[in-house]
């Protein structure tokens, strides 16, 4: 359990944070099954993901190293990184 009492981040919660932190491309529907779509296909770049990582660090108390973020190309991969850090934390 993290210092903030959260034990896991869901895809839905991640998508909410993504929208709030980095905005939303009007051409992309984030309400569907986006877990395995590439961030580039969803209209998000590495800067947007850094913003999301910063928000997650503040809200959940987990820091994801930048080099780990580079390998997270989908929402599912990003959530898996966060959840691994939460369970280790």
PDB file of N, CA and C in Angstrom:
ATOM      1  N   UNK A   1       0.846  -1.179   0.000  1.00  0.00           N
ATOM      2  CA  UNK A   1       0.000   0.000   0.000  1.00  0.00           C
ATOM      3  C   UNK A   1       0.890   1.240   0.000  1.00  0.00           C
ATOM      4  N   UNK A   2       0.511   2.210  -0.795  1.00  0.00           N
ATOM      5  CA  UNK A   2       1.306   3.432  -0.855  1.00  0.00           C
ATOM      6  C   UNK A   2       1.061   4.286   0.380  1.00  0.00           C
ATOM      7  N   UNK A   3       1.866   5.319   0.502  1.00  0.00           N
ATOM      8  CA  UNK A   3       1.705   6.244   1.620  1.00  0.00           C
ATOM      9  C   UNK A   3       0.359   6.962   1.554  1.00  0.00           C
ATOM     10  N   UNK A   4      -0.246   6.976   0.376  1.00  0.00           N
ATOM     11  CA  UNK A   4      -1.525   7.650   0.191  1.00  0.00           C
ATOM     12  C   UNK A   4      -2.709   6.694   0.335  1.00  0.00           C
ATOM     13  N   UNK A   5      -2.461   5.439   0.733  1.00  0.00           N
ATOM     14  CA  UNK A   5      -3.530   4.492   0.975  1.00  0.00           C
ATOM     15  C   UNK A   5      -4.090   3.812  -0.259  1.00  0.00           C
ATOM     16  N   UNK A   6      -3.526   4.055  -1.420  1.00  0.00           N
ATOM     17  CA  UNK A   6      -4.011   3.452  -2.654  1.00  0.00           C
ATOM     18  C   UNK A   6      -3.198   2.202  -2.937  1.00  0.00           C
ATOM     19  N   UNK A   7      -3.883   1.118  -3.276  1.00  0.00           N
ATOM     20  CA  UNK A   7      -3.174  -0.131  -3.544  1.00  0.00           C
ATOM     21  C   UNK A   7      -3.058  -0.436  -5.023  1.00  0.00           C
ATOM     22  N   UNK A   8      -3.907   0.183  -5.853  1.00  0.00           N
ATOM     23  CA  UNK A   8      -3.845  -0.073  -7.294  1.00  0.00           C
ATOM     24  C   UNK A   8      -4.501   1.075  -8.052  1.00  0.00           C
ATOM     25  N   UNK A   9      -4.002   1.301  -9.251  1.00  0.00           N
ATOM     26  CA  UNK A   9      -4.557   2.296 -10.162  1.00  0.00           C
ATOM     27  C   UNK A   9      -5.286   1.544 -11.263  1.00  0.00           C
ATOM     28  N   UNK A  10      -6.524   1.926 -11.539  1.00  0.00           N
ATOM     29  CA  UNK A  10      -7.289   1.280 -12.607  1.00  0.00           C
ATOM     30  C   UNK A  10      -7.078   2.019 -13.927  1.00  0.00           C
ATOM     31  N   UNK A  11      -7.411   1.353 -15.015  1.00  0.00           N
ATOM     32  CA  UNK A  11      -7.348   1.993 -16.336  1.00  0.00           C
ATOM     33  C   UNK A  11      -8.291   3.197 -16.368  1.00  0.00           C
ATOM     34  N   UNK A  12      -9.478   3.059 -15.800  1.00  0.00           N
ATOM     35  CA  UNK A  12     -10.439   4.170 -15.795  1.00  0.00           C
ATOM     36  C   UNK A  12      -9.897   5.379 -15.034  1.00  0.00           C
ATOM     37  N   UNK A  13      -9.285   5.127 -13.888  1.00  0.00           N
ATOM     38  CA  UNK A  13      -8.704   6.221 -13.105  1.00  0.00           C
ATOM     39  C   UNK A  13      -7.536   6.853 -13.869  1.00  0.00           C
ATOM     40  N   UNK A  14      -6.713   6.021 -14.501  1.00  0.00           N
ATOM     41  CA  UNK A  14      -5.606   6.535 -15.294  1.00  0.00           C
ATOM     42  C   UNK A  14      -6.123   7.417 -16.427  1.00  0.00           C
ATOM     43  N   UNK A  15      -7.168   6.967 -17.109  1.00  0.00           N
ATOM     44  CA  UNK A  15      -7.735   7.736 -18.218  1.00  0.00           C
ATOM     45  C   UNK A  15      -8.253   9.085 -17.726  1.00  0.00           C
ATOM     46  N   UNK A  16      -8.867   9.104 -16.549  1.00  0.00           N
ATOM     47  CA  UNK A  16      -9.340  10.366 -15.966  1.00  0.00           C
ATOM     48  C   UNK A  16      -8.165  11.308 -15.709  1.00  0.00           C
ATOM     49  N   UNK A  17      -7.091  10.774 -15.128  1.00  0.00           N
ATOM     50  CA  UNK A  17      -5.905  11.586 -14.848  1.00  0.00           C
ATOM     51  C   UNK A  17      -5.282  12.079 -16.148  1.00  0.00           C
ATOM     52  N   UNK A  18      -5.242  11.227 -17.157  1.00  0.00           N
ATOM     53  CA  UNK A  18      -4.698  11.597 -18.466  1.00  0.00           C
ATOM     54  C   UNK A  18      -5.468  12.775 -19.042  1.00  0.00           C
ATOM     55  N   UNK A  19      -6.785  12.704 -19.010  1.00  0.00           N
ATOM     56  CA  UNK A  19      -7.618  13.803 -19.519  1.00  0.00           C
ATOM     57  C   UNK A  19      -7.364  15.099 -18.751  1.00  0.00           C
ATOM     58  N   UNK A  20      -7.338  14.994 -17.417  1.00  0.00           N
ATOM     59  CA  UNK A  20      -7.178  16.186 -16.584  1.00  0.00           C
ATOM     60  C   UNK A  20      -5.792  16.802 -16.714  1.00  0.00           C
ATOM     61  N   UNK A  21      -4.772  15.972 -16.882  1.00  0.00           N
ATOM     62  CA  UNK A  21      -3.396  16.461 -16.921  1.00  0.00           C
ATOM     63  C   UNK A  21      -2.966  16.922 -18.300  1.00  0.00           C
ATOM     64  N   UNK A  22      -3.362  16.177 -19.314  1.00  0.00           N
ATOM     65  CA  UNK A  22      -2.825  16.420 -20.648  1.00  0.00           C
ATOM     66  C   UNK A  22      -3.884  16.759 -21.683  1.00  0.00           C
ATOM     67  N   UNK A  23      -5.135  16.849 -21.277  1.00  0.00           N
ATOM     68  CA  UNK A  23      -6.191  17.155 -22.229  1.00  0.00           C
ATOM     69  C   UNK A  23      -6.622  15.924 -23.001  1.00  0.00           C
ATOM     70  N   UNK A  24      -7.457  16.154 -24.005  1.00  0.00           N
ATOM     71  CA  UNK A  24      -7.991  15.043 -24.783  1.00  0.00           C
ATOM     72  C   UNK A  24      -8.119  15.464 -26.230  1.00  0.00           C
ATOM     73  N   UNK A  25      -7.642  14.626 -27.129  1.00  0.00           N
ATOM     74  CA  UNK A  25      -7.792  14.848 -28.559  1.00  0.00           C
ATOM     75  C   UNK A  25      -9.252  14.572 -28.907  1.00  0.00           C
ATOM     76  N   UNK A  26      -9.940  15.549 -29.482  1.00  0.00           N
ATOM     77  CA  UNK A  26     -11.359  15.381 -29.787  1.00  0.00           C
ATOM     78  C   UNK A  26     -11.619  14.264 -30.784  1.00  0.00           C
ATOM     79  N   UNK A  27     -10.618  13.887 -31.563  1.00  0.00           N
ATOM     80  CA  UNK A  27     -10.789  12.831 -32.559  1.00  0.00           C
ATOM     81  C   UNK A  27     -10.681  11.437 -31.949  1.00  0.00           C
ATOM     82  N   UNK A  28     -10.291  11.354 -30.684  1.00  0.00           N
ATOM     83  CA  UNK A  28     -10.083  10.061 -30.027  1.00  0.00           C
ATOM     84  C   UNK A  28     -11.098   9.892 -28.903  1.00  0.00           C
ATOM     85  N   UNK A  29     -11.741   8.729 -28.874  1.00  0.00           N
ATOM     86  CA  UNK A  29     -12.706   8.420 -27.823  1.00  0.00           C
ATOM     87  C   UNK A  29     -12.004   7.660 -26.709  1.00  0.00           C
ATOM     88  N   UNK A  30     -11.753   8.326 -25.589  1.00  0.00           N
ATOM     89  CA  UNK A  30     -11.102   7.672 -24.453  1.00  0.00           C
ATOM     90  C   UNK A  30     -12.089   6.884 -23.599  1.00  0.00           C
ATOM     91  N   UNK A  31     -13.351   6.888 -23.982  1.00  0.00           N
ATOM     92  CA  UNK A  31     -14.352   6.145 -23.222  1.00  0.00           C
ATOM     93  C   UNK A  31     -14.387   4.673 -23.604  1.00  0.00           C
ATOM     94  N   UNK A  32     -13.806   4.322 -24.722  1.00  0.00           N
ATOM     95  CA  UNK A  32     -13.806   2.934 -25.164  1.00  0.00           C
ATOM     96  C   UNK A  32     -12.673   2.152 -24.523  1.00  0.00           C
ATOM     97  N   UNK A  33     -12.369   1.014 -25.111  1.00  0.00           N
ATOM     98  CA  UNK A  33     -11.296   0.159 -24.613  1.00  0.00           C
ATOM     99  C   UNK A  33      -9.972   0.658 -25.183  1.00  0.00           C
ATOM    100  N   UNK A  34      -9.283   1.491 -24.418  1.00  0.00           N
ATOM    101  CA  UNK A  34      -8.048   2.110 -24.891  1.00  0.00           C
ATOM    102  C   UNK A  34      -6.804   1.529 -24.233  1.00  0.00           C
ATOM    103  N   UNK A  35      -6.969   0.531 -23.385  1.00  0.00           N
ATOM    104  CA  UNK A  35      -5.867   0.015 -22.573  1.00  0.00           C
ATOM    105  C   UNK A  35      -4.656  -0.409 -23.390  1.00  0.00           C
ATOM    106  N   UNK A  36      -4.878  -0.950 -24.578  1.00  0.00           N
ATOM    107  CA  UNK A  36      -3.764  -1.465 -25.366  1.00  0.00           C
ATOM    108  C   UNK A  36      -3.465  -0.651 -26.618  1.00  0.00           C
ATOM    109  N   UNK A  37      -4.055   0.529 -26.725  1.00  0.00           N
ATOM    110  CA  UNK A  37      -3.751   1.411 -27.850  1.00  0.00           C
ATOM    111  C   UNK A  37      -2.491   2.210 -27.539  1.00  0.00           C
ATOM    112  N   UNK A  38      -1.695   2.471 -28.552  1.00  0.00           N
ATOM    113  CA  UNK A  38      -0.482   3.266 -28.366  1.00  0.00           C
ATOM    114  C   UNK A  38      -0.842   4.703 -28.003  1.00  0.00           C
ATOM    115  N   UNK A  39      -0.056   5.285 -27.103  1.00  0.00           N
ATOM    116  CA  UNK A  39      -0.288   6.681 -26.735  1.00  0.00           C
ATOM    117  C   UNK A  39      -0.232   7.582 -27.963  1.00  0.00           C
ATOM    118  N   UNK A  40       0.658   7.290 -28.900  1.00  0.00           N
ATOM    119  CA  UNK A  40       0.751   8.114 -30.107  1.00  0.00           C
ATOM    120  C   UNK A  40      -0.547   8.052 -30.908  1.00  0.00           C
ATOM    121  N   UNK A  41      -1.205   6.884 -30.929  1.00  0.00           N
ATOM    122  CA  UNK A  41      -2.488   6.764 -31.627  1.00  0.00           C
ATOM    123  C   UNK A  41      -3.604   7.502 -30.888  1.00  0.00           C
ATOM    124  N   UNK A  42      -3.422   7.683 -29.594  1.00  0.00           N
ATOM    125  CA  UNK A  42      -4.400   8.409 -28.783  1.00  0.00           C
ATOM    126  C   UNK A  42      -4.137   9.916 -28.774  1.00  0.00           C
ATOM    127  N   UNK A  43      -3.032  10.335 -29.409  1.00  0.00           N
ATOM    128  CA  UNK A  43      -2.717  11.753 -29.499  1.00  0.00           C
ATOM    129  C   UNK A  43      -1.866  12.296 -28.367  1.00  0.00           C
ATOM    130  N   UNK A  44      -1.177  11.413 -27.620  1.00  0.00           N
ATOM    131  CA  UNK A  44      -0.348  11.853 -26.500  1.00  0.00           C
ATOM    132  C   UNK A  44       1.123  11.607 -26.789  1.00  0.00           C
ATOM    133  N   UNK A  45       1.950  12.583 -26.431  1.00  0.00           N
ATOM    134  CA  UNK A  45       3.394  12.460 -26.620  1.00  0.00           C
ATOM    135  C   UNK A  45       4.084  12.271 -25.269  1.00  0.00           C
ATOM    136  N   UNK A  46       5.402  12.213 -25.301  1.00  0.00           N
ATOM    137  CA  UNK A  46       6.160  11.953 -24.074  1.00  0.00           C
ATOM    138  C   UNK A  46       5.994  13.073 -23.050  1.00  0.00           C
ATOM    139  N   UNK A  47       5.837  14.300 -23.497  1.00  0.00           N
ATOM    140  CA  UNK A  47       5.625  15.413 -22.567  1.00  0.00           C
ATOM    141  C   UNK A  47       4.309  15.239 -21.809  1.00  0.00           C
ATOM    142  N   UNK A  48       3.274  14.830 -22.504  1.00  0.00           N
ATOM    143  CA  UNK A  48       1.985  14.583 -21.850  1.00  0.00           C
ATOM    144  C   UNK A  48       2.118  13.494 -20.797  1.00  0.00           C
ATOM    145  N   UNK A  49       2.879  12.455 -21.112  1.00  0.00           N
ATOM    146  CA  UNK A  49       3.051  11.353 -20.160  1.00  0.00           C
ATOM    147  C   UNK A  49       3.870  11.784 -18.951  1.00  0.00           C
ATOM    148  N   UNK A  50       4.825  12.681 -19.150  1.00  0.00           N
ATOM    149  CA  UNK A  50       5.572  13.223 -18.011  1.00  0.00           C
ATOM    150  C   UNK A  50       4.650  14.027 -17.092  1.00  0.00           C
ATOM    151  N   UNK A  51       3.712  14.764 -17.684  1.00  0.00           N
ATOM    152  CA  UNK A  51       2.741  15.505 -16.879  1.00  0.00           C
ATOM    153  C   UNK A  51       1.887  14.543 -16.058  1.00  0.00           C
ATOM    154  N   UNK A  52       1.460  13.455 -16.683  1.00  0.00           N
ATOM    155  CA  UNK A  52       0.652  12.453 -15.983  1.00  0.00           C
ATOM    156  C   UNK A  52       1.474  11.805 -14.873  1.00  0.00           C
ATOM    157  N   UNK A  53       2.726  11.489 -15.162  1.00  0.00           N
ATOM    158  CA  UNK A  53       3.596  10.871 -14.152  1.00  0.00           C
ATOM    159  C   UNK A  53       3.770  11.800 -12.953  1.00  0.00           C
ATOM    160  N   UNK A  54       3.902  13.094 -13.207  1.00  0.00           N
ATOM    161  CA  UNK A  54       4.013  14.062 -12.118  1.00  0.00           C
ATOM    162  C   UNK A  54       2.754  14.113 -11.275  1.00  0.00           C
ATOM    163  N   UNK A  55       1.625  14.067 -11.930  1.00  0.00           N
ATOM    164  CA  UNK A  55       0.342  14.062 -11.206  1.00  0.00           C
ATOM    165  C   UNK A  55       0.209  12.803 -10.354  1.00  0.00           C
ATOM    166  N   UNK A  56       0.582  11.659 -10.915  1.00  0.00           N
ATOM    167  CA  UNK A  56       0.501  10.399 -10.168  1.00  0.00           C
ATOM    168  C   UNK A  56       1.470  10.423  -8.990  1.00  0.00           C
ATOM    169  N   UNK A  57       2.645  11.009  -9.186  1.00  0.00           N
ATOM    170  CA  UNK A  57       3.609  11.125  -8.086  1.00  0.00           C
ATOM    171  C   UNK A  57       3.014  11.942  -6.939  1.00  0.00           C
ATOM    172  N   UNK A  58       2.355  13.041  -7.267  1.00  0.00           N
ATOM    173  CA  UNK A  58       1.728  13.884  -6.236  1.00  0.00           C
ATOM    174  C   UNK A  58       0.540  13.188  -5.578  1.00  0.00           C
ATOM    175  N   UNK A  59      -0.321  12.603  -6.387  1.00  0.00           N
ATOM    176  CA  UNK A  59      -1.574  12.041  -5.867  1.00  0.00           C
ATOM    177  C   UNK A  59      -1.415  10.676  -5.207  1.00  0.00           C
ATOM    178  N   UNK A  60      -0.467   9.883  -5.704  1.00  0.00           N
ATOM    179  CA  UNK A  60      -0.336   8.499  -5.237  1.00  0.00           C
ATOM    180  C   UNK A  60       0.968   8.223  -4.494  1.00  0.00           C
ATOM    181  N   UNK A  61       1.880   9.179  -4.525  1.00  0.00           N
ATOM    182  CA  UNK A  61       3.130   9.000  -3.800  1.00  0.00           C
ATOM    183  C   UNK A  61       4.092   8.012  -4.431  1.00  0.00           C
ATOM    184  N   UNK A  62       3.989   7.817  -5.745  1.00  0.00           N
ATOM    185  CA  UNK A  62       4.921   6.921  -6.442  1.00  0.00           C
ATOM    186  C   UNK A  62       5.618   7.671  -7.565  1.00  0.00           C
ATOM    187  N   UNK A  63       6.917   7.534  -7.592  1.00  0.00           N
ATOM    188  CA  UNK A  63       7.710   8.128  -8.664  1.00  0.00           C
ATOM    189  C   UNK A  63       8.095   7.040  -9.649  1.00  0.00           C
ATOM    190  N   UNK A  64       7.794   7.279 -10.915  1.00  0.00           N
ATOM    191  CA  UNK A  64       8.175   6.357 -11.977  1.00  0.00           C
ATOM    192  C   UNK A  64       9.369   6.985 -12.693  1.00  0.00           C
ATOM    193  N   UNK A  65      10.525   6.304 -12.712  1.00  0.00           N
ATOM    194  CA  UNK A  65      11.693   6.853 -13.405  1.00  0.00           C
ATOM    195  C   UNK A  65      11.400   7.105 -14.890  1.00  0.00           C
ATOM    196  N   UNK A  66      11.954   8.193 -15.412  1.00  0.00           N
ATOM    197  CA  UNK A  66      11.737   8.552 -16.815  1.00  0.00           C
ATOM    198  C   UNK A  66      12.094   7.418 -17.762  1.00  0.00           C
ATOM    199  N   UNK A  67      13.179   6.693 -17.461  1.00  0.00           N
ATOM    200  CA  UNK A  67      13.586   5.613 -18.365  1.00  0.00           C
ATOM    201  C   UNK A  67      12.556   4.484 -18.394  1.00  0.00           C
ATOM    202  N   UNK A  68      11.818   4.291 -17.300  1.00  0.00           N
ATOM    203  CA  UNK A  68      10.737   3.295 -17.296  1.00  0.00           C
ATOM    204  C   UNK A  68       9.546   3.788 -18.105  1.00  0.00           C
ATOM    205  N   UNK A  69       9.284   5.081 -18.045  1.00  0.00           N
ATOM    206  CA  UNK A  69       8.175   5.649 -18.810  1.00  0.00           C
ATOM    207  C   UNK A  69       8.381   5.485 -20.307  1.00  0.00           C
ATOM    208  N   UNK A  70       9.632   5.528 -20.738  1.00  0.00           N
ATOM    209  CA  UNK A  70       9.924   5.389 -22.165  1.00  0.00           C
ATOM    210  C   UNK A  70       9.396   4.079 -22.729  1.00  0.00           C
ATOM    211  N   UNK A  71       9.358   3.032 -21.918  1.00  0.00           N
ATOM    212  CA  UNK A  71       8.891   1.734 -22.384  1.00  0.00           C
ATOM    213  C   UNK A  71       7.391   1.546 -22.269  1.00  0.00           C
ATOM    214  N   UNK A  72       6.717   2.465 -21.614  1.00  0.00           N
ATOM    215  CA  UNK A  72       5.262   2.362 -21.438  1.00  0.00           C
ATOM    216  C   UNK A  72       4.577   3.045 -22.614  1.00  0.00           C
ATOM    217  N   UNK A  73       4.228   2.270 -23.617  1.00  0.00           N
ATOM    218  CA  UNK A  73       3.660   2.837 -24.838  1.00  0.00           C
ATOM    219  C   UNK A  73       2.141   2.784 -24.891  1.00  0.00           C
ATOM    220  N   UNK A  74       1.523   2.146 -23.889  1.00  0.00           N
ATOM    221  CA  UNK A  74       0.062   2.031 -23.834  1.00  0.00           C
ATOM    222  C   UNK A  74      -0.421   2.364 -22.421  1.00  0.00           C
ATOM    223  N   UNK A  75      -1.689   2.711 -22.290  1.00  0.00           N
ATOM    224  CA  UNK A  75      -2.218   2.929 -20.941  1.00  0.00           C
ATOM    225  C   UNK A  75      -2.020   1.722 -20.027  1.00  0.00           C
ATOM    226  N   UNK A  76      -2.215   0.502 -20.543  1.00  0.00           N
ATOM    227  CA  UNK A  76      -2.038  -0.683 -19.702  1.00  0.00           C
ATOM    228  C   UNK A  76      -0.603  -0.781 -19.187  1.00  0.00           C
ATOM    229  N   UNK A  77       0.376  -0.531 -20.051  1.00  0.00           N
ATOM    230  CA  UNK A  77       1.781  -0.601 -19.639  1.00  0.00           C
ATOM    231  C   UNK A  77       2.087   0.459 -18.578  1.00  0.00           C
ATOM    232  N   UNK A  78       1.525   1.653 -18.734  1.00  0.00           N
ATOM    233  CA  UNK A  78       1.740   2.727 -17.765  1.00  0.00           C
ATOM    234  C   UNK A  78       1.123   2.355 -16.421  1.00  0.00           C
ATOM    235  N   UNK A  79      -0.111   1.867 -16.447  1.00  0.00           N
ATOM    236  CA  UNK A  79      -0.800   1.459 -15.220  1.00  0.00           C
ATOM    237  C   UNK A  79      -0.042   0.323 -14.541  1.00  0.00           C
ATOM    238  N   UNK A  80       0.482  -0.612 -15.322  1.00  0.00           N
ATOM    239  CA  UNK A  80       1.269  -1.712 -14.749  1.00  0.00           C
ATOM    240  C   UNK A  80       2.500  -1.185 -14.017  1.00  0.00           C
ATOM    241  N   UNK A  81       3.168  -0.175 -14.591  1.00  0.00           N
ATOM    242  CA  UNK A  81       4.324   0.437 -13.924  1.00  0.00           C
ATOM    243  C   UNK A  81       3.917   1.053 -12.586  1.00  0.00           C
ATOM    244  N   UNK A  82       2.832   1.797 -12.608  1.00  0.00           N
ATOM    245  CA  UNK A  82       2.362   2.445 -11.380  1.00  0.00           C
ATOM    246  C   UNK A  82       1.993   1.394 -10.340  1.00  0.00           C
ATOM    247  N   UNK A  83       1.266   0.373 -10.757  1.00  0.00           N
ATOM    248  CA  UNK A  83       0.831  -0.647  -9.804  1.00  0.00           C
ATOM    249  C   UNK A  83       2.001  -1.451  -9.251  1.00  0.00           C
ATOM    250  N   UNK A  84       3.024  -1.675 -10.055  1.00  0.00           N
ATOM    251  CA  UNK A  84       4.234  -2.338  -9.550  1.00  0.00           C
ATOM    252  C   UNK A  84       4.901  -1.478  -8.484  1.00  0.00           C
ATOM    253  N   UNK A  85       4.975  -0.176  -8.742  1.00  0.00           N
ATOM    254  CA  UNK A  85       5.576   0.738  -7.768  1.00  0.00           C
ATOM    255  C   UNK A  85       4.730   0.818  -6.497  1.00  0.00           C
ATOM    256  N   UNK A  86       3.411   0.810  -6.647  1.00  0.00           N
ATOM    257  CA  UNK A  86       2.532   0.847  -5.477  1.00  0.00           C
ATOM    258  C   UNK A  86       2.693  -0.404  -4.623  1.00  0.00           C
ATOM    259  N   UNK A  87       2.792  -1.554  -5.267  1.00  0.00           N
ATOM    260  CA  UNK A  87       2.905  -2.798  -4.500  1.00  0.00           C
ATOM    261  C   UNK A  87       4.281  -2.938  -3.856  1.00  0.00           C
ATOM    262  N   UNK A  88       5.300  -2.315  -4.462  1.00  0.00           N
ATOM    263  CA  UNK A  88       6.650  -2.374  -3.900  1.00  0.00           C
ATOM    264  C   UNK A  88       6.833  -1.356  -2.778  1.00  0.00           C
ATOM    265  N   UNK A  89       5.997  -0.314  -2.824  1.00  0.00           N
ATOM    266  CA  UNK A  89       6.185   0.834  -2.004  1.00  0.00           C
ATOM    267  C   UNK A  89       5.866   0.821  -0.600  1.00  0.00           C
TER     268      UNK A  89
END
